Amino acid sequence: MTLVIQQAHGHPAIALSGESVVVRGVVEPYVAHQRVTVRFYLDGRLAQTRTVGVQSLGNGAGQFHVPYAASRAGVATVRAAHTATAQEGAFQAGAGEVRFIAADMGEGARGPAVGLLQSQLSALHYAVPVNGDFEEATGRAVVAFRKETGLARTPGTDASVFHLLEHGGGAFHVRYPRDGRHVEADLSKQVLAEIEPGGRVREIYTMSSGKPSTPTVTGHFQVYSKTPGTNAKGMVDSNYFIRGYAIHGYPEVPPYAASHGCLRVPIPDAPAIFGWVRLGTPVDVYFEGGGGSRHVSGNAGP
């Protein structure tokens, strides 16, 4: 008999507390009317016992499936055993561990659960380290993901974040794939994305665009000037795309539109963006439903 844990994630296997994993067992040879007892242990204590029948696979082997959901965080192990009958002898098997994790995480958390979160965000091209430590950069990536998926714009996780990640949510939809290597600023969701040729997303960042009284101009532009460092207005590593409108780092980047017209990004993200953006890089600024201001203000600012 062999056991395989399904519906868990990563190596070592991780699952959310309250969600089910499935243990699949394969028995060779298959003998009709046999039953197997499966025991789940959470942190070494017996948590669940199920006795199930073995069903034929049609190839001389049999199989069974048993779900298990841990009610709290902890490390689960599983053992399965068949008691000897007149038709078949006794046998047993075990499977690897599953670490059940709490979905609620924030800055200061660390370990495999954080690594899983970071890996899933990185696979979707959010700017995030994959180091198992939930620090400010991870929080910024979570905010960007929450913006993209319509969740509350906070820097922590809950079950809804992991549910969307597991079901393919949070992918950035490239609006102008024919613009080659370019930047897209989605004012509806307040995220900025670097796009490679062919419409491939390279990196996604949280941002803050112009507030209603000083809106960011929408349209198709090109970076015409780049100024490294911090200027007199507190703008860091600025990439100007029309008049005084720029993509730049700034100390205050709330999760909503709050700037004087520019596209603010967190200061720790500004050097990477500045290094990727070149003179002449197209910048597409838009609301998903269309519209927005086409007026180019003469005094746009940070």
C-alpha atoms as a PDB file:
ATOM      1  CA  MET A   1       0.000   0.000   0.000  1.00  0.00           C
ATOM      2  CA  THR A   2       1.194   3.495  -0.849  1.00  0.00           C
ATOM      3  CA  LEU A   3      -0.275   6.814   0.313  1.00  0.00           C
ATOM      4  CA  VAL A   4      -0.203  10.158  -1.485  1.00  0.00           C
ATOM      5  CA  ILE A   5      -1.417  13.481  -0.072  1.00  0.00           C
ATOM      6  CA  GLN A   6      -3.366  15.533  -2.610  1.00  0.00           C
ATOM      7  CA  GLN A   7      -4.726  19.102  -2.650  1.00  0.00           C
ATOM      8  CA  ALA A   8      -1.809  20.446  -0.587  1.00  0.00           C
ATOM      9  CA  HIS A   9       0.738  22.972  -1.865  1.00  0.00           C
ATOM     10  CA  GLY A  10       4.496  23.094  -2.151  1.00  0.00           C
ATOM     11  CA  HIS A  11       7.328  21.043  -0.692  1.00  0.00           C
ATOM     12  CA  PRO A  12       7.002  20.436   2.181  1.00  0.00           C
ATOM     13  CA  ALA A  13       3.227  20.202   1.762  1.00  0.00           C
ATOM     14  CA  ILE A  14       1.187  23.114   3.124  1.00  0.00           C
ATOM     15  CA  ALA A  15      -2.563  23.615   3.471  1.00  0.00           C
ATOM     16  CA  LEU A  16      -4.798  26.187   5.127  1.00  0.00           C
ATOM     17  CA  SER A  17      -6.372  25.238   8.435  1.00  0.00           C
ATOM     18  CA  GLY A  18     -10.048  24.517   7.823  1.00  0.00           C
ATOM     19  CA  GLU A  19      -9.451  23.385   4.236  1.00  0.00           C
ATOM     20  CA  SER A  20      -9.317  19.749   3.192  1.00  0.00           C
ATOM     21  CA  VAL A  21      -6.472  17.686   1.864  1.00  0.00           C
ATOM     22  CA  VAL A  22      -7.150  14.231   0.441  1.00  0.00           C
ATOM     23  CA  VAL A  23      -5.164  11.078   1.135  1.00  0.00           C
ATOM     24  CA  ARG A  24      -5.202   8.660  -1.804  1.00  0.00           C
ATOM     25  CA  GLY A  25      -4.169   5.116  -1.103  1.00  0.00           C
ATOM     26  CA  VAL A  26      -3.290   2.466  -3.682  1.00  0.00           C
ATOM     27  CA  VAL A  27      -3.361  -1.214  -2.726  1.00  0.00           C
ATOM     28  CA  GLU A  28      -1.815  -4.051  -4.755  1.00  0.00           C
ATOM     29  CA  PRO A  29      -3.172  -6.588  -5.381  1.00  0.00           C
ATOM     30  CA  TYR A  30      -6.821  -5.621  -5.185  1.00  0.00           C
ATOM     31  CA  VAL A  31      -9.012  -8.034  -3.200  1.00  0.00           C
ATOM     32  CA  ALA A  32     -12.748  -7.402  -3.088  1.00  0.00           C
ATOM     33  CA  HIS A  33     -14.552  -6.351   0.096  1.00  0.00           C
ATOM     34  CA  GLN A  34     -11.412  -5.225   1.972  1.00  0.00           C
ATOM     35  CA  ARG A  35     -11.364  -2.197   4.282  1.00  0.00           C
ATOM     36  CA  VAL A  36      -8.590   0.084   5.477  1.00  0.00           C
ATOM     37  CA  THR A  37      -8.460   2.218   8.634  1.00  0.00           C
ATOM     38  CA  VAL A  38      -6.877   5.670   8.153  1.00  0.00           C
ATOM     39  CA  ARG A  39      -5.705   7.682  11.153  1.00  0.00           C
ATOM     40  CA  PHE A  40      -4.740  11.352  11.106  1.00  0.00           C
ATOM     41  CA  TYR A  41      -2.524  12.855  13.793  1.00  0.00           C
ATOM     42  CA  LEU A  42      -2.162  16.586  14.442  1.00  0.00           C
ATOM     43  CA  ASP A  43       1.028  17.516  16.302  1.00  0.00           C
ATOM     44  CA  GLY A  44       1.326  13.879  17.355  1.00  0.00           C
ATOM     45  CA  ARG A  45      -2.185  13.512  18.802  1.00  0.00           C
ATOM     46  CA  LEU A  46      -4.862  11.373  17.162  1.00  0.00           C
ATOM     47  CA  ALA A  47      -7.276  13.757  15.438  1.00  0.00           C
ATOM     48  CA  GLN A  48      -9.438  11.595  13.155  1.00  0.00           C
ATOM     49  CA  THR A  49     -10.054   7.938  12.334  1.00  0.00           C
ATOM     50  CA  ARG A  50     -11.852   6.743   9.197  1.00  0.00           C
ATOM     51  CA  THR A  51     -12.453   3.218   7.929  1.00  0.00           C
ATOM     52  CA  VAL A  52     -13.104   3.000   4.194  1.00  0.00           C
ATOM     53  CA  GLY A  53     -13.554   0.352   1.539  1.00  0.00           C
ATOM     54  CA  VAL A  54     -10.978  -0.303  -1.162  1.00  0.00           C
ATOM     55  CA  GLN A  55     -12.369   0.140  -4.689  1.00  0.00           C
ATOM     56  CA  SER A  56     -11.054  -1.576  -7.801  1.00  0.00           C
ATOM     57  CA  LEU A  57      -8.948   0.409 -10.256  1.00  0.00           C
ATOM     58  CA  GLY A  58      -9.514  -2.251 -12.908  1.00  0.00           C
ATOM     59  CA  ASN A  59      -5.812  -3.025 -13.365  1.00  0.00           C
ATOM     60  CA  GLY A  60      -5.281  -5.432 -10.505  1.00  0.00           C
ATOM     61  CA  ALA A  61      -4.902  -2.658  -7.954  1.00  0.00           C
ATOM     62  CA  GLY A  62      -7.375  -0.933  -5.638  1.00  0.00           C
ATOM     63  CA  GLN A  63      -7.664   2.584  -4.260  1.00  0.00           C
ATOM     64  CA  PHE A  64      -9.356   4.680  -1.586  1.00  0.00           C
ATOM     65  CA  HIS A  65      -9.692   8.406  -0.849  1.00  0.00           C
ATOM     66  CA  VAL A  66     -10.063  10.041   2.566  1.00  0.00           C
ATOM     67  CA  PRO A  67     -10.383  13.826   3.137  1.00  0.00           C
ATOM     68  CA  TYR A  68      -9.020  15.587   6.194  1.00  0.00           C
ATOM     69  CA  ALA A  69      -9.270  19.202   7.370  1.00  0.00           C
ATOM     70  CA  ALA A  70      -7.385  20.418  10.437  1.00  0.00           C
ATOM     71  CA  SER A  71      -9.351  22.826  12.611  1.00  0.00           C
ATOM     72  CA  ARG A  72      -6.199  24.660  13.688  1.00  0.00           C
ATOM     73  CA  ALA A  73      -2.629  25.224  12.611  1.00  0.00           C
ATOM     74  CA  GLY A  74      -0.233  22.330  13.153  1.00  0.00           C
ATOM     75  CA  VAL A  75       1.650  19.459  11.520  1.00  0.00           C
ATOM     76  CA  ALA A  76      -0.502  16.530  10.392  1.00  0.00           C
ATOM     77  CA  THR A  77       0.665  12.997   9.662  1.00  0.00           C
ATOM     78  CA  VAL A  78      -1.317  10.022   8.401  1.00  0.00           C
ATOM     79  CA  ARG A  79      -1.117   6.251   8.823  1.00  0.00           C
ATOM     80  CA  ALA A  80      -3.287   3.628   7.119  1.00  0.00           C
ATOM     81  CA  ALA A  81      -3.592  -0.042   8.094  1.00  0.00           C
ATOM     82  CA  HIS A  82      -5.398  -3.145   6.873  1.00  0.00           C
ATOM     83  CA  THR A  83      -6.140  -5.850   9.420  1.00  0.00           C
ATOM     84  CA  ALA A  84      -5.581  -9.392   8.163  1.00  0.00           C
ATOM     85  CA  THR A  85      -8.611 -11.231   6.788  1.00  0.00           C
ATOM     86  CA  ALA A  86      -9.115 -14.677   5.353  1.00  0.00           C
ATOM     87  CA  GLN A  87      -8.666 -13.202   1.862  1.00  0.00           C
ATOM     88  CA  GLU A  88      -5.716 -10.800   2.401  1.00  0.00           C
ATOM     89  CA  GLY A  89      -2.911 -10.316   4.906  1.00  0.00           C
ATOM     90  CA  ALA A  90      -2.194  -7.315   7.105  1.00  0.00           C
ATOM     91  CA  PHE A  91      -0.323  -4.295   5.775  1.00  0.00           C
ATOM     92  CA  GLN A  92       0.185  -0.622   6.596  1.00  0.00           C
ATOM     93  CA  ALA A  93       1.721   2.554   5.217  1.00  0.00           C
ATOM     94  CA  GLY A  94       2.364   6.187   6.080  1.00  0.00           C
ATOM     95  CA  ALA A  95       2.645   9.443   4.163  1.00  0.00           C
ATOM     96  CA  GLY A  96       4.632  12.621   4.566  1.00  0.00           C
ATOM     97  CA  GLU A  97       3.686  15.579   6.723  1.00  0.00           C
ATOM     98  CA  VAL A  98       1.241  18.346   5.887  1.00  0.00           C
ATOM     99  CA  ARG A  99       1.727  21.650   7.671  1.00  0.00           C
ATOM    100  CA  PHE A 100      -1.633  23.327   8.214  1.00  0.00           C
ATOM    101  CA  ILE A 101      -1.223  27.089   8.457  1.00  0.00           C
ATOM    102  CA  ALA A 102      -3.393  29.955   9.647  1.00  0.00           C
ATOM    103  CA  ALA A 103      -4.474  32.184   6.759  1.00  0.00           C
ATOM    104  CA  ASP A 104      -4.119  35.396   8.775  1.00  0.00           C
ATOM    105  CA  MET A 105      -0.556  36.688   8.455  1.00  0.00           C
ATOM    106  CA  GLY A 106       1.114  40.068   8.589  1.00  0.00           C
ATOM    107  CA  GLU A 107       4.462  41.762   8.995  1.00  0.00           C
ATOM    108  CA  GLY A 108       6.764  39.795  11.282  1.00  0.00           C
ATOM    109  CA  ALA A 109       5.462  36.358  10.290  1.00  0.00           C
ATOM    110  CA  ARG A 110       7.979  33.887   8.914  1.00  0.00           C
ATOM    111  CA  GLY A 111       8.312  30.288   7.811  1.00  0.00           C
ATOM    112  CA  PRO A 112       6.926  27.959   5.113  1.00  0.00           C
ATOM    113  CA  ALA A 113       3.519  29.647   5.060  1.00  0.00           C
ATOM    114  CA  VAL A 114       5.109  32.982   4.173  1.00  0.00           C
ATOM    115  CA  GLY A 115       7.301  31.279   1.586  1.00  0.00           C
ATOM    116  CA  LEU A 116       4.207  29.754  -0.032  1.00  0.00           C
ATOM    117  CA  LEU A 117       2.502  33.158  -0.158  1.00  0.00           C
ATOM    118  CA  GLN A 118       5.585  34.793  -1.660  1.00  0.00           C
ATOM    119  CA  SER A 119       6.030  32.038  -4.249  1.00  0.00           C
ATOM    120  CA  GLN A 120       2.421  32.358  -5.387  1.00  0.00           C
ATOM    121  CA  LEU A 121       2.654  36.156  -5.622  1.00  0.00           C
ATOM    122  CA  SER A 122       5.979  35.938  -7.460  1.00  0.00           C
ATOM    123  CA  ALA A 123       4.486  33.490  -9.975  1.00  0.00           C
ATOM    124  CA  LEU A 124       1.939  36.192 -10.812  1.00  0.00           C
ATOM    125  CA  HIS A 125       4.802  38.728 -11.200  1.00  0.00           C
ATOM    126  CA  TYR A 126       4.189  40.815  -8.099  1.00  0.00           C
ATOM    127  CA  ALA A 127       7.364  42.479  -6.828  1.00  0.00           C
ATOM    128  CA  VAL A 128       8.101  40.338  -3.781  1.00  0.00           C
ATOM    129  CA  PRO A 129      11.099  38.536  -2.275  1.00  0.00           C
ATOM    130  CA  VAL A 130      10.839  34.784  -1.736  1.00  0.00           C
ATOM    131  CA  ASN A 131      12.652  34.363   1.561  1.00  0.00           C
ATOM    132  CA  GLY A 132      10.046  33.166   4.067  1.00  0.00           C
ATOM    133  CA  ASP A 133      10.010  36.501   5.930  1.00  0.00           C
ATOM    134  CA  PHE A 134       6.894  38.690   5.855  1.00  0.00           C
ATOM    135  CA  GLU A 135       8.426  42.165   5.791  1.00  0.00           C
ATOM    136  CA  GLU A 136       7.385  45.467   4.222  1.00  0.00           C
ATOM    137  CA  ALA A 137       8.074  44.332   0.650  1.00  0.00           C
ATOM    138  CA  THR A 138       5.739  41.365   1.102  1.00  0.00           C
ATOM    139  CA  GLY A 139       3.097  43.674   2.559  1.00  0.00           C
ATOM    140  CA  ARG A 140       3.366  45.948  -0.485  1.00  0.00           C
ATOM    141  CA  ALA A 141       2.936  42.975  -2.807  1.00  0.00           C
ATOM    142  CA  VAL A 142      -0.121  41.829  -0.832  1.00  0.00           C
ATOM    143  CA  VAL A 143      -1.630  45.325  -1.140  1.00  0.00           C
ATOM    144  CA  ALA A 144      -1.064  45.246  -4.911  1.00  0.00           C
ATOM    145  CA  PHE A 145      -2.659  41.793  -5.139  1.00  0.00           C
ATOM    146  CA  ARG A 146      -5.619  42.930  -3.058  1.00  0.00           C
ATOM    147  CA  LYS A 147      -6.058  45.944  -5.331  1.00  0.00           C
ATOM    148  CA  GLU A 148      -5.982  43.748  -8.416  1.00  0.00           C
ATOM    149  CA  THR A 149      -8.574  41.341  -6.990  1.00  0.00           C
ATOM    150  CA  GLY A 150     -10.897  43.907  -5.400  1.00  0.00           C
ATOM    151  CA  LEU A 151     -10.187  42.957  -1.778  1.00  0.00           C
ATOM    152  CA  ALA A 152      -9.723  45.396   1.078  1.00  0.00           C
ATOM    153  CA  ARG A 153      -6.409  47.202   0.533  1.00  0.00           C
ATOM    154  CA  THR A 154      -4.527  46.062   3.624  1.00  0.00           C
ATOM    155  CA  PRO A 155      -0.996  44.589   3.903  1.00  0.00           C
ATOM    156  CA  GLY A 156      -2.036  41.321   5.548  1.00  0.00           C
ATOM    157  CA  THR A 157      -3.506  38.026   4.404  1.00  0.00           C
ATOM    158  CA  ASP A 158      -6.636  36.082   5.224  1.00  0.00           C
ATOM    159  CA  ALA A 159      -8.434  33.088   3.745  1.00  0.00           C
ATOM    160  CA  SER A 160      -9.773  35.148   0.830  1.00  0.00           C
ATOM    161  CA  VAL A 161      -6.226  36.005  -0.315  1.00  0.00           C
ATOM    162  CA  PHE A 162      -5.124  32.368  -0.358  1.00  0.00           C
ATOM    163  CA  HIS A 163      -8.395  31.255  -1.945  1.00  0.00           C
ATOM    164  CA  LEU A 164      -7.906  33.653  -4.852  1.00  0.00           C
ATOM    165  CA  LEU A 165      -4.251  32.692  -5.232  1.00  0.00           C
ATOM    166  CA  GLU A 166      -5.154  29.000  -5.355  1.00  0.00           C
ATOM    167  CA  HIS A 167      -7.819  29.623  -8.004  1.00  0.00           C
ATOM    168  CA  GLY A 168      -5.772  31.805 -10.337  1.00  0.00           C
ATOM    169  CA  GLY A 169      -6.935  35.236  -9.196  1.00  0.00           C
ATOM    170  CA  GLY A 170      -4.772  38.346  -9.310  1.00  0.00           C
ATOM    171  CA  ALA A 171      -3.276  38.103 -12.803  1.00  0.00           C
ATOM    172  CA  PHE A 172      -2.636  41.520 -14.354  1.00  0.00           C
ATOM    173  CA  HIS A 173      -4.535  42.012 -17.617  1.00  0.00           C
ATOM    174  CA  VAL A 174      -2.301  43.772 -20.144  1.00  0.00           C
ATOM    175  CA  ARG A 175      -4.356  46.386 -21.972  1.00  0.00           C
ATOM    176  CA  TYR A 176      -1.823  47.405 -24.629  1.00  0.00           C
ATOM    177  CA  PRO A 177       0.208  44.303 -25.584  1.00  0.00           C
ATOM    178  CA  ARG A 178       1.249  45.883 -28.894  1.00  0.00           C
ATOM    179  CA  ASP A 179       3.169  48.677 -27.161  1.00  0.00           C
ATOM    180  CA  GLY A 180       6.189  46.432 -26.708  1.00  0.00           C
ATOM    181  CA  ARG A 181       8.339  47.116 -23.691  1.00  0.00           C
ATOM    182  CA  HIS A 182       6.218  49.587 -21.742  1.00  0.00           C
ATOM    183  CA  VAL A 183       4.613  50.615 -18.471  1.00  0.00           C
ATOM    184  CA  GLU A 184       0.894  50.411 -17.713  1.00  0.00           C
ATOM    185  CA  ALA A 185      -0.699  52.424 -14.909  1.00  0.00           C
ATOM    186  CA  ASP A 186      -4.181  51.163 -14.065  1.00  0.00           C
ATOM    187  CA  LEU A 187      -5.830  54.074 -12.249  1.00  0.00           C
ATOM    188  CA  SER A 188      -8.917  52.001 -11.469  1.00  0.00           C
ATOM    189  CA  LYS A 189      -6.937  49.514  -9.390  1.00  0.00           C
ATOM    190  CA  GLN A 190      -4.020  51.769  -8.445  1.00  0.00           C
ATOM    191  CA  VAL A 191      -1.341  49.386  -9.674  1.00  0.00           C
ATOM    192  CA  LEU A 192       1.598  49.881 -12.010  1.00  0.00           C
ATOM    193  CA  ALA A 193       3.041  47.113 -14.190  1.00  0.00           C
ATOM    194  CA  GLU A 194       6.187  46.725 -16.258  1.00  0.00           C
ATOM    195  CA  ILE A 195       5.371  44.914 -19.501  1.00  0.00           C
ATOM    196  CA  GLU A 196       7.877  43.096 -21.703  1.00  0.00           C
ATOM    197  CA  PRO A 197       7.515  42.696 -25.492  1.00  0.00           C
ATOM    198  CA  GLY A 198       4.691  40.368 -26.451  1.00  0.00           C
ATOM    199  CA  GLY A 199       2.533  41.521 -23.564  1.00  0.00           C
ATOM    200  CA  ARG A 200       4.423  39.558 -20.885  1.00  0.00           C
ATOM    201  CA  VAL A 201       4.067  40.996 -17.399  1.00  0.00           C
ATOM    202  CA  ARG A 202       7.443  41.528 -15.741  1.00  0.00           C
ATOM    203  CA  GLU A 203       6.623  43.146 -12.393  1.00  0.00           C
ATOM    204  CA  ILE A 204       3.568  44.582 -10.623  1.00  0.00           C
ATOM    205  CA  TYR A 205       3.710  47.333  -7.990  1.00  0.00           C
ATOM    206  CA  THR A 206       1.265  49.202  -5.798  1.00  0.00           C
ATOM    207  CA  MET A 207       1.001  52.925  -6.605  1.00  0.00           C
ATOM    208  CA  SER A 208      -0.976  56.074  -5.821  1.00  0.00           C
ATOM    209  CA  SER A 209      -2.102  58.333  -8.662  1.00  0.00           C
ATOM    210  CA  GLY A 210      -3.622  61.829  -8.705  1.00  0.00           C
ATOM    211  CA  LYS A 211      -6.477  62.599  -6.324  1.00  0.00           C
ATOM    212  CA  PRO A 212      -9.746  63.919  -7.843  1.00  0.00           C
ATOM    213  CA  SER A 213      -8.737  67.570  -7.462  1.00  0.00           C
ATOM    214  CA  THR A 214      -5.347  66.968  -9.155  1.00  0.00           C
ATOM    215  CA  PRO A 215      -5.934  63.938 -11.410  1.00  0.00           C
ATOM    216  CA  THR A 216      -3.295  62.064 -13.330  1.00  0.00           C
ATOM    217  CA  VAL A 217      -3.617  62.719 -17.048  1.00  0.00           C
ATOM    218  CA  THR A 218      -4.694  59.626 -19.017  1.00  0.00           C
ATOM    219  CA  GLY A 219      -3.374  58.616 -22.420  1.00  0.00           C
ATOM    220  CA  HIS A 220      -0.328  57.240 -24.225  1.00  0.00           C
ATOM    221  CA  PHE A 221       3.002  58.860 -23.400  1.00  0.00           C
ATOM    222  CA  GLN A 222       6.747  58.263 -23.483  1.00  0.00           C
ATOM    223  CA  VAL A 223       9.394  58.833 -20.841  1.00  0.00           C
ATOM    224  CA  TYR A 224      11.243  61.956 -21.945  1.00  0.00           C
ATOM    225  CA  SER A 225      13.391  62.657 -18.882  1.00  0.00           C
ATOM    226  CA  LYS A 226      14.893  60.706 -15.972  1.00  0.00           C
ATOM    227  CA  THR A 227      16.350  62.256 -12.828  1.00  0.00           C
ATOM    228  CA  PRO A 228      18.000  59.964 -10.263  1.00  0.00           C
ATOM    229  CA  GLY A 229      18.021  60.637  -6.555  1.00  0.00           C
ATOM    230  CA  THR A 230      15.731  62.902  -4.548  1.00  0.00           C
ATOM    231  CA  ASN A 231      14.668  66.301  -5.860  1.00  0.00           C
ATOM    232  CA  ALA A 232      13.463  69.392  -3.982  1.00  0.00           C
ATOM    233  CA  LYS A 233       9.883  68.079  -3.957  1.00  0.00           C
ATOM    234  CA  GLY A 234      10.856  64.800  -2.312  1.00  0.00           C
ATOM    235  CA  MET A 235      10.425  62.820  -5.547  1.00  0.00           C
ATOM    236  CA  VAL A 236      12.806  59.849  -5.741  1.00  0.00           C
ATOM    237  CA  ASP A 237      14.200  58.420  -9.016  1.00  0.00           C
ATOM    238  CA  SER A 238      11.751  60.249 -11.268  1.00  0.00           C
ATOM    239  CA  ASN A 239      10.687  59.112 -14.748  1.00  0.00           C
ATOM    240  CA  TYR A 240       8.851  61.999 -16.462  1.00  0.00           C
ATOM    241  CA  PHE A 241       6.345  61.041 -19.154  1.00  0.00           C
ATOM    242  CA  ILE A 242       4.658  64.410 -19.876  1.00  0.00           C
ATOM    243  CA  ARG A 243       5.356  67.866 -18.425  1.00  0.00           C
ATOM    244  CA  GLY A 244       5.651  67.504 -14.643  1.00  0.00           C
ATOM    245  CA  TYR A 245       3.952  64.093 -14.480  1.00  0.00           C
ATOM    246  CA  ALA A 246       6.329  61.348 -13.428  1.00  0.00           C
ATOM    247  CA  ILE A 247       6.596  57.841 -12.044  1.00  0.00           C
ATOM    248  CA  HIS A 248       8.609  58.301  -8.854  1.00  0.00           C
ATOM    249  CA  GLY A 249       9.193  57.124  -5.348  1.00  0.00           C
ATOM    250  CA  TYR A 250       7.605  59.025  -2.483  1.00  0.00           C
ATOM    251  CA  PRO A 251       7.408  58.631   1.304  1.00  0.00           C
ATOM    252  CA  GLU A 252       3.591  58.490   1.296  1.00  0.00           C
ATOM    253  CA  VAL A 253       1.895  55.964  -0.987  1.00  0.00           C
ATOM    254  CA  PRO A 254      -1.581  55.298   0.405  1.00  0.00           C
ATOM    255  CA  PRO A 255      -3.703  52.540  -1.193  1.00  0.00           C
ATOM    256  CA  TYR A 256      -5.883  55.135  -2.943  1.00  0.00           C
ATOM    257  CA  ALA A 257      -5.390  58.080  -5.324  1.00  0.00           C
ATOM    258  CA  ALA A 258      -3.690  60.836  -3.318  1.00  0.00           C
ATOM    259  CA  SER A 259      -0.953  62.486  -5.406  1.00  0.00           C
ATOM    260  CA  HIS A 260      -0.815  65.852  -7.141  1.00  0.00           C
ATOM    261  CA  GLY A 261      -0.875  64.120 -10.520  1.00  0.00           C
ATOM    262  CA  CYS A 262       2.217  61.939 -10.506  1.00  0.00           C
ATOM    263  CA  LEU A 263       2.312  58.155 -10.171  1.00  0.00           C
ATOM    264  CA  ARG A 264       3.783  57.578  -6.720  1.00  0.00           C
ATOM    265  CA  VAL A 265       5.429  54.272  -5.873  1.00  0.00           C
ATOM    266  CA  PRO A 266       6.994  53.216  -2.553  1.00  0.00           C
ATOM    267  CA  ILE A 267      10.560  54.474  -2.216  1.00  0.00           C
ATOM    268  CA  PRO A 268      12.023  50.932  -1.868  1.00  0.00           C
ATOM    269  CA  ASP A 269      10.500  50.067  -5.275  1.00  0.00           C
ATOM    270  CA  ALA A 270      11.632  53.253  -7.013  1.00  0.00           C
ATOM    271  CA  PRO A 271      15.245  52.219  -7.850  1.00  0.00           C
ATOM    272  CA  ALA A 272      14.148  48.979  -9.536  1.00  0.00           C
ATOM    273  CA  ILE A 273      11.539  50.800 -11.620  1.00  0.00           C
ATOM    274  CA  PHE A 274      14.006  53.569 -12.465  1.00  0.00           C
ATOM    275  CA  GLY A 275      16.547  50.983 -13.580  1.00  0.00           C
ATOM    276  CA  TRP A 276      14.066  49.225 -15.856  1.00  0.00           C
ATOM    277  CA  VAL A 277      12.419  52.276 -17.431  1.00  0.00           C
ATOM    278  CA  ARG A 278      14.407  53.883 -20.252  1.00  0.00           C
ATOM    279  CA  LEU A 279      14.177  57.155 -22.105  1.00  0.00           C
ATOM    280  CA  GLY A 280      11.466  56.621 -24.703  1.00  0.00           C
ATOM    281  CA  THR A 281       9.690  53.830 -22.775  1.00  0.00           C
ATOM    282  CA  PRO A 282       5.940  54.084 -23.519  1.00  0.00           C
ATOM    283  CA  VAL A 283       3.671  54.769 -20.539  1.00  0.00           C
ATOM    284  CA  ASP A 284      -0.041  53.930 -20.834  1.00  0.00           C
ATOM    285  CA  VAL A 285      -2.241  55.548 -18.204  1.00  0.00           C
ATOM    286  CA  TYR A 286      -5.907  54.578 -18.077  1.00  0.00           C
ATOM    287  CA  PHE A 287      -9.072  53.789 -16.194  1.00  0.00           C
ATOM    288  CA  GLU A 288     -10.392  50.335 -17.009  1.00  0.00           C
ATOM    289  CA  GLY A 289     -13.789  51.716 -18.006  1.00  0.00           C
ATOM    290  CA  GLY A 290     -12.306  54.547 -20.044  1.00  0.00           C
ATOM    291  CA  GLY A 291     -12.529  58.221 -19.337  1.00  0.00           C
ATOM    292  CA  GLY A 292     -10.322  60.173 -16.985  1.00  0.00           C
ATOM    293  CA  SER A 293      -8.712  63.575 -17.373  1.00  0.00           C
ATOM    294  CA  ARG A 294      -6.976  64.505 -20.628  1.00  0.00           C
ATOM    295  CA  HIS A 295      -5.986  67.903 -19.284  1.00  0.00           C
ATOM    296  CA  VAL A 296      -2.237  68.336 -18.888  1.00  0.00           C
ATOM    297  CA  SER A 297      -1.727  70.519 -15.859  1.00  0.00           C
ATOM    298  CA  GLY A 298       1.151  72.960 -15.829  1.00  0.00           C
ATOM    299  CA  ASN A 299       1.811  72.403 -12.123  1.00  0.00           C
ATOM    300  CA  ALA A 300       1.485  68.648 -11.698  1.00  0.00           C
ATOM    301  CA  GLY A 301       3.460  67.427  -8.737  1.00  0.00           C
ATOM    302  CA  PRO A 302       4.301  64.530  -6.483  1.00  0.00           C
END
